[in-house]
Amino acid sequence: MSLASKKVIWAALIGNGLIAATKFMAALLSGSSAMLSEGIHSLVDTGNQVLLLYGLKRAQSPPDEDFPFGHGKEIYFWSFVVAILIFAVGAGISLYEGIIHIIHPSRLENPRINYIVLALAVFFEGVAWFFAFREFTRSKGKWGYMEAVRRGKNPSLFVVLFEDSAAILGLIAAFAGIYLSHTTGNPLFDGLASVVIGLILGGTAVWLAYETKGLLIGESANQEVVQGIRILAGSYTQVETVNEVLTLHMGPDFILVNISLDFIDTVPAGQVEDVLEQIRSAIKQRYPEVKRIFAEPRKAVNQISSD
């Protein structure tokens, strides 16, 4: 992962930590359920950034005897854990707090402090969102935004963007609930805002879990890469047919390739080995994220593998 992407996570970590502290203080002074939910939201986001940074560090661990292909999938696992935490902790507590305040509403005390905290939070969250969005835009290349989320292999990029987007939506809901409770004198709106925040977090968590599930289970490389490998291998005159091109992402920047080839009958066995080496080098040169290649000539006696 690039240094700029790590800076995005660090910026979100610091910002969410400071915002969480101010939100909890405002909730304590005003008794606002929506502000308490927002504080929990920011606290969960802070913990999520820590988990993402830990996942990135673990993903960079070198291969060993137990994990011969490295630990790249650690980032997929911790991104999935982040989604679970958002759903179980963030959404769960926000919904609980909102329902409790709807059943047993309490009058807001000193609500103006909430406006100050919300304004600061919107500013800091907006700055964090801008950096996350800029990095995501840079990394997505020619793809559209939704396509980049669906086809992207580095979940830490869109996890931060999703979290920041959910945070801004939550702040809007909190402001609306506090404002309506303040102006109408009806504390029910504050509880409803907390429920809305919980629903926003729940929806974000489900979406994140769905997008990271495939990567965690074992997702192939994008079709452009698979098709490019097939065309490149088939361009050698000694190759009669390219059968299977199986790929697997072992991490955002680690693709494992297993390719099956039929060679022309007149090609000597020694030349088959030379051609396989040329194909391996050409694939790695064109696609640097391909780290390991296993090639199987079906018409050869022995399976030949390379890395």
Foldseek 3Di string as FASTA:
>chain_A
DDPLLLVLLVLLLVLLVVLLVLLVVLCVQWVFLLSPLLSQLSVLSNVLSVLLVVLVVQQPDAADPVRNQGQQCSNLVSLLVSLVCLQVRNLVVLLVSLVVCLVVPDFTDPLVSVVVSLVVSLVSLVVSLVSLVVVLVVPQPPDDNVVCLQQAQRLSSVSSNLSSVLSNVLSVLQVVLSVCCVVVVPNNSSSVSSNVSSVSSNVSSVVSNVSSVCLNVWHFHDPVLQVVLLVLLVVDPQWDHWDDWTWTDSHNLEIETETETEGDPPDDPVVVVVSVVVSVVVSCVVRVSYDFYFYQHPPDPDGDTDD
